[in-house]
Amino acid sequence: MTRRVAVLSDIHGVLPALEAVLAEPDVRAADLIVLTGDLAAGPMPAPTLEALAALGERAVWVRGNADRELVALAADQSPPVPDEVSRWAARQLRPAHLDRLAGLPHPVTLAIEGFGPVLFCHGTPRDDEEIVLVDSPLDRFDQVLSTVDDGVRTVVCGHTHMPFARLASGRMVVNPGSVGMPYGRSGAHWALLAGGGIQLRRTEFDLDTACRRIAAESSYPEAAAWAEYYLRAKATDREALEVFSRAAT
């Protein structure tokens, strides 16, 4: 049975942040690295997917809404997306990248020592873009967890880019936060599940160097401004919660 799992979510094509987390000793030592979605929709999509593919069988990929949207955009299905970086990113991916994203499962359940079966999803177990927040009422958690088997007592999600761990509806619900697009606080956020315990982690890295690298290596026209805004977490947690709260009903 798997003993130690690192959970990385919402990387959003920010390769410097991903590399910083992958260099963490506890990530290097993890039995599995679970990727809970929204992997490539950002300024360095193809190199980010290549770095994740290099993890081989240690990585378990879970579909996020942005992964699904990239596939649709590349096929000219033109789904509504919140910003232009996704439309640009979809054009940068090769067929092999798109095939992999198109085949990602959601959700995924794994047996982990000290936890039993753990369900990994993006938004919620029933919908990859549904929103649940740390302060959502228990009735809301009852709804979004209604499809989860009774034997699953831990659910790990993503999507909102803000970390939390709380007991809800008799289960531990965990959001590791975002590796590449944090809201409220800079740094690459992730989680470690080991020994029956849950740790929310944050990896600091050189933001100046990362922003310069993205501006130099990405062909996205607004790469420099994008990096300055998102890597430095200029979107506050208050602003994000106000937006998400309107959708989490």
Protein backbone atom coordinates (compact mmCIF):
# COMPACT_ATOMS: atom_id res chain seq x y z
CA MET A 1 0.00 0.00 0.00
CA THR A 2 1.18 3.52 -0.78
CA ARG A 3 2.64 5.25 2.28
CA ARG A 4 3.54 8.84 1.29
CA VAL A 5 1.73 10.97 -1.28
CA ALA A 6 2.57 14.49 -2.41
CA VAL A 7 -0.37 16.35 -3.95
CA LEU A 8 0.25 19.09 -6.51
CA SER A 9 -2.66 21.01 -7.96
CA ASP A 10 -3.24 23.94 -10.30
CA ILE A 11 0.28 24.17 -11.70
CA HIS A 12 -1.03 26.20 -14.65
CA GLY A 13 2.05 25.92 -16.81
CA VAL A 14 4.37 27.63 -14.30
CA LEU A 15 7.45 25.48 -14.74
CA PRO A 16 9.73 27.32 -12.25
CA ALA A 17 7.19 26.76 -9.45
CA LEU A 18 6.78 23.11 -10.39
CA GLU A 19 10.53 22.55 -10.44
CA ALA A 20 10.85 24.12 -6.99
CA VAL A 21 8.24 21.74 -5.54
CA LEU A 22 9.68 18.67 -7.28
CA ALA A 23 13.04 19.49 -5.67
CA GLU A 24 11.55 19.30 -2.17
CA PRO A 25 12.98 16.31 -0.24
CA ASP A 26 9.52 15.12 0.81
CA VAL A 27 8.30 15.24 -2.78
CA ARG A 28 11.39 13.41 -4.02
CA ALA A 29 10.80 10.75 -1.35
CA ALA A 30 7.05 10.37 -1.96
CA ASP A 31 5.77 7.04 -3.24
CA LEU A 32 3.31 8.86 -5.48
CA ILE A 33 2.79 12.40 -6.72
CA VAL A 34 -0.89 13.04 -7.38
CA LEU A 35 -1.65 15.89 -9.79
CA THR A 36 -5.16 17.17 -9.14
CA GLY A 37 -5.72 19.06 -12.35
CA ASP A 38 -5.23 22.31 -14.23
CA LEU A 39 -1.70 21.40 -15.21
CA ALA A 40 -0.83 23.29 -18.39
CA ALA A 41 -3.11 26.32 -18.88
CA GLY A 42 -0.48 28.99 -18.39
CA PRO A 43 2.66 30.52 -19.91
CA MET A 44 4.84 27.35 -20.25
CA PRO A 45 2.36 24.59 -21.10
CA ALA A 46 4.41 22.11 -23.15
CA PRO A 47 7.55 22.16 -20.96
CA THR A 48 5.39 21.73 -17.88
CA LEU A 49 3.68 18.66 -19.30
CA GLU A 50 7.05 17.24 -20.32
CA ALA A 51 8.38 17.69 -16.78
CA LEU A 52 5.32 15.91 -15.38
CA ALA A 53 5.60 13.10 -17.92
CA ALA A 54 9.20 12.56 -16.84
CA LEU A 55 7.91 11.50 -13.41
CA GLY A 56 6.68 8.32 -15.04
CA GLU A 57 4.56 5.95 -13.00
CA ARG A 58 5.17 7.92 -9.78
CA ALA A 59 2.70 10.53 -11.04
CA VAL A 60 -1.06 10.00 -10.96
CA TRP A 61 -2.84 12.50 -13.20
CA VAL A 62 -6.37 13.74 -12.46
CA ARG A 63 -8.33 15.91 -14.90
CA GLY A 64 -9.05 19.54 -14.12
CA ASN A 65 -11.51 21.80 -15.90
CA ALA A 66 -8.67 23.72 -17.56
CA ASP A 67 -7.19 20.49 -18.92
CA ARG A 68 -10.54 19.61 -20.47
CA GLU A 69 -10.87 23.15 -21.86
CA LEU A 70 -7.43 23.02 -23.52
CA VAL A 71 -8.45 19.91 -25.43
CA ALA A 72 -11.69 21.56 -26.55
CA LEU A 73 -9.91 24.77 -27.55
CA ALA A 74 -7.35 22.86 -29.60
CA ALA A 75 -10.25 21.22 -31.43
CA ASP A 76 -11.80 24.64 -32.13
CA GLN A 77 -14.80 23.89 -29.96
CA SER A 78 -14.36 27.34 -28.40
CA PRO A 79 -15.66 26.79 -24.87
CA PRO A 80 -15.87 29.89 -22.67
CA VAL A 81 -12.58 30.44 -20.83
CA PRO A 82 -11.67 33.18 -18.35
CA ASP A 83 -8.51 34.50 -20.01
CA GLU A 84 -6.55 34.46 -23.25
CA VAL A 85 -3.64 32.43 -21.88
CA SER A 86 -5.73 29.27 -22.20
CA ARG A 87 -6.47 29.90 -25.88
CA TRP A 88 -2.78 30.55 -26.48
CA ALA A 89 -1.68 27.51 -24.45
CA ALA A 90 -3.96 25.18 -26.41
CA ARG A 91 -2.11 26.15 -29.61
CA GLN A 92 1.26 25.26 -28.07
CA LEU A 93 0.44 21.64 -27.29
CA ARG A 94 1.36 18.75 -29.55
CA PRO A 95 -1.09 15.95 -30.35
CA ALA A 96 0.55 13.68 -27.76
CA HIS A 97 0.00 16.31 -25.08
CA LEU A 98 -3.63 16.74 -26.03
CA ASP A 99 -4.23 12.99 -26.19
CA ARG A 100 -2.92 12.64 -22.67
CA LEU A 101 -5.06 15.46 -21.33
CA ALA A 102 -8.11 14.11 -23.13
CA GLY A 103 -7.69 10.74 -21.46
CA LEU A 104 -7.32 11.94 -17.89
CA PRO A 105 -9.73 10.47 -15.33
CA HIS A 106 -11.83 12.34 -12.78
CA PRO A 107 -12.03 11.49 -9.93
CA VAL A 108 -9.36 8.95 -8.88
CA THR A 109 -9.39 6.85 -5.69
CA LEU A 110 -6.17 5.42 -4.21
CA ALA A 111 -5.48 3.32 -1.13
CA ILE A 112 -3.01 5.09 1.19
CA GLU A 113 -1.60 3.67 4.39
CA GLY A 114 -3.11 5.39 7.42
CA PHE A 115 -6.04 6.73 5.39
CA GLY A 116 -7.62 3.83 3.52
CA PRO A 117 -9.23 4.88 0.23
CA VAL A 118 -8.63 8.54 -0.61
CA LEU A 119 -10.55 10.26 -3.39
CA PHE A 120 -8.67 12.82 -5.49
CA CYS A 121 -10.59 15.26 -7.67
CA HIS A 122 -10.35 18.79 -9.03
CA GLY A 123 -13.42 20.85 -8.19
CA THR A 124 -15.52 18.28 -6.33
CA PRO A 125 -15.92 14.52 -6.74
CA ARG A 126 -18.93 14.99 -9.02
CA ASP A 127 -17.79 17.95 -11.16
CA ASP A 128 -14.33 19.21 -12.12
CA GLU A 129 -15.31 22.89 -11.88
CA GLU A 130 -17.74 22.84 -8.98
CA ILE A 131 -16.64 25.03 -6.06
CA VAL A 132 -16.44 24.24 -2.38
CA LEU A 133 -14.69 26.52 0.10
CA VAL A 134 -13.27 26.20 3.58
CA ASP A 135 -16.25 28.09 5.00
CA SER A 136 -18.93 26.41 2.87
CA PRO A 137 -21.84 25.23 5.07
CA LEU A 138 -22.14 21.56 5.90
CA ASP A 139 -25.25 21.27 3.74
CA ARG A 140 -23.10 22.30 0.79
CA PHE A 141 -20.52 19.63 1.63
CA ASP A 142 -23.32 17.08 1.92
CA GLN A 143 -24.31 17.95 -1.65
CA VAL A 144 -20.87 17.89 -3.26
CA LEU A 145 -19.84 14.68 -1.47
CA SER A 146 -23.13 12.90 -2.17
CA THR A 147 -21.56 10.64 -4.83
CA VAL A 148 -18.64 9.51 -2.64
CA ASP A 149 -18.58 5.94 -1.34
CA ASP A 150 -19.11 5.63 2.42
CA GLY A 151 -15.72 3.94 2.78
CA VAL A 152 -13.87 7.05 1.62
CA ARG A 153 -13.09 9.26 4.62
CA THR A 154 -10.62 11.65 2.93
CA VAL A 155 -11.26 13.77 -0.17
CA VAL A 156 -8.56 15.89 -1.81
CA CYS A 157 -9.62 18.57 -4.29
CA GLY A 158 -8.20 21.65 -6.01
CA HIS A 159 -9.59 24.37 -8.30
CA THR A 160 -9.86 27.36 -5.92
CA HIS A 161 -6.08 27.89 -5.53
CA MET A 162 -6.38 28.38 -1.76
CA PRO A 163 -5.24 25.70 0.70
CA PHE A 164 -7.39 24.31 3.49
CA ALA A 165 -8.04 21.14 5.47
CA ARG A 166 -11.26 20.71 7.41
CA LEU A 167 -13.67 18.10 8.70
CA ALA A 168 -16.95 18.18 6.80
CA SER A 169 -19.77 15.67 6.63
CA GLY A 170 -17.68 13.16 8.53
CA ARG A 171 -14.76 13.35 6.10
CA MET A 172 -11.49 15.24 5.94
CA VAL A 173 -11.58 17.53 2.92
CA VAL A 174 -8.24 18.90 1.74
CA ASN A 175 -7.26 21.49 -0.84
CA PRO A 176 -3.48 21.76 -1.34
CA GLY A 177 -3.72 25.20 -2.92
CA SER A 178 -2.00 26.12 -6.18
CA VAL A 179 1.56 25.44 -7.28
CA GLY A 180 1.59 28.09 -10.00
CA MET A 181 -1.23 30.57 -9.40
CA PRO A 182 -1.59 31.16 -5.65
CA TYR A 183 -4.21 33.55 -4.33
CA GLY A 184 -3.50 35.54 -1.19
CA ARG A 185 0.09 34.43 -0.58
CA SER A 186 2.99 33.81 -2.94
CA GLY A 187 4.91 30.57 -3.11
CA ALA A 188 4.10 27.14 -4.51
CA HIS A 189 1.49 25.42 -2.36
CA TRP A 190 1.09 21.64 -2.11
CA ALA A 191 0.17 18.95 0.41
CA LEU A 192 1.72 15.83 1.91
CA LEU A 193 -0.30 12.82 3.06
CA ALA A 194 1.77 10.48 5.22
CA GLY A 195 1.29 8.38 8.33
CA GLY A 196 -2.39 9.22 8.47
CA GLY A 197 -1.58 12.93 8.75
CA ILE A 198 -2.15 15.83 6.37
CA GLN A 199 0.38 18.63 5.98
CA LEU A 200 -0.24 21.76 3.95
CA ARG A 201 3.10 22.86 2.55
CA ARG A 202 4.44 25.97 0.84
CA THR A 203 7.67 26.11 -1.17
CA GLU A 204 9.35 29.47 -1.55
CA PHE A 205 11.40 30.16 -4.67
CA ASP A 206 13.05 33.17 -6.27
CA LEU A 207 10.12 35.10 -7.73
CA ASP A 208 12.30 37.64 -9.53
CA THR A 209 14.22 34.93 -11.34
CA ALA A 210 11.05 32.98 -12.10
CA CYS A 211 9.29 36.01 -13.56
CA ARG A 212 12.30 36.85 -15.72
CA ARG A 213 12.52 33.24 -16.92
CA ILE A 214 8.87 33.10 -17.91
CA ALA A 215 9.14 36.41 -19.74
CA ALA A 216 12.24 35.15 -21.61
CA GLU A 217 11.15 31.59 -22.40
CA SER A 218 7.42 31.91 -23.02
CA SER A 219 6.11 33.16 -26.36
CA TYR A 220 2.83 34.22 -24.78
CA PRO A 221 2.61 37.97 -25.59
CA GLU A 222 1.58 38.91 -22.06
CA ALA A 223 3.90 36.47 -20.28
CA ALA A 224 5.77 39.08 -18.26
CA ALA A 225 2.63 40.75 -16.94
CA TRP A 226 0.98 37.37 -16.33
CA ALA A 227 3.91 36.18 -14.25
CA GLU A 228 4.14 39.39 -12.25
CA TYR A 229 0.47 39.18 -11.34
CA TYR A 230 0.06 35.51 -10.57
CA LEU A 231 3.42 34.45 -9.18
CA ARG A 232 3.42 37.41 -6.80
CA ALA A 233 -0.16 36.56 -5.73
CA LYS A 234 -1.55 39.99 -6.44
CA ALA A 235 -5.03 38.44 -6.40
CA THR A 236 -5.86 38.46 -2.70
CA ASP A 237 -7.59 35.68 -0.83
CA ARG A 238 -10.40 38.10 0.05
CA GLU A 239 -10.98 38.94 -3.61
CA ALA A 240 -10.91 35.28 -4.62
CA LEU A 241 -13.30 34.24 -1.87
CA GLU A 242 -15.75 36.96 -2.83
CA VAL A 243 -15.79 35.69 -6.42
CA PHE A 244 -15.92 32.02 -5.49
CA SER A 245 -18.57 32.48 -2.83
CA ARG A 246 -21.03 33.66 -5.46
CA ALA A 247 -20.49 30.42 -7.38
CA ALA A 248 -20.38 28.06 -4.38
CA THR A 249 -24.11 27.90 -3.81
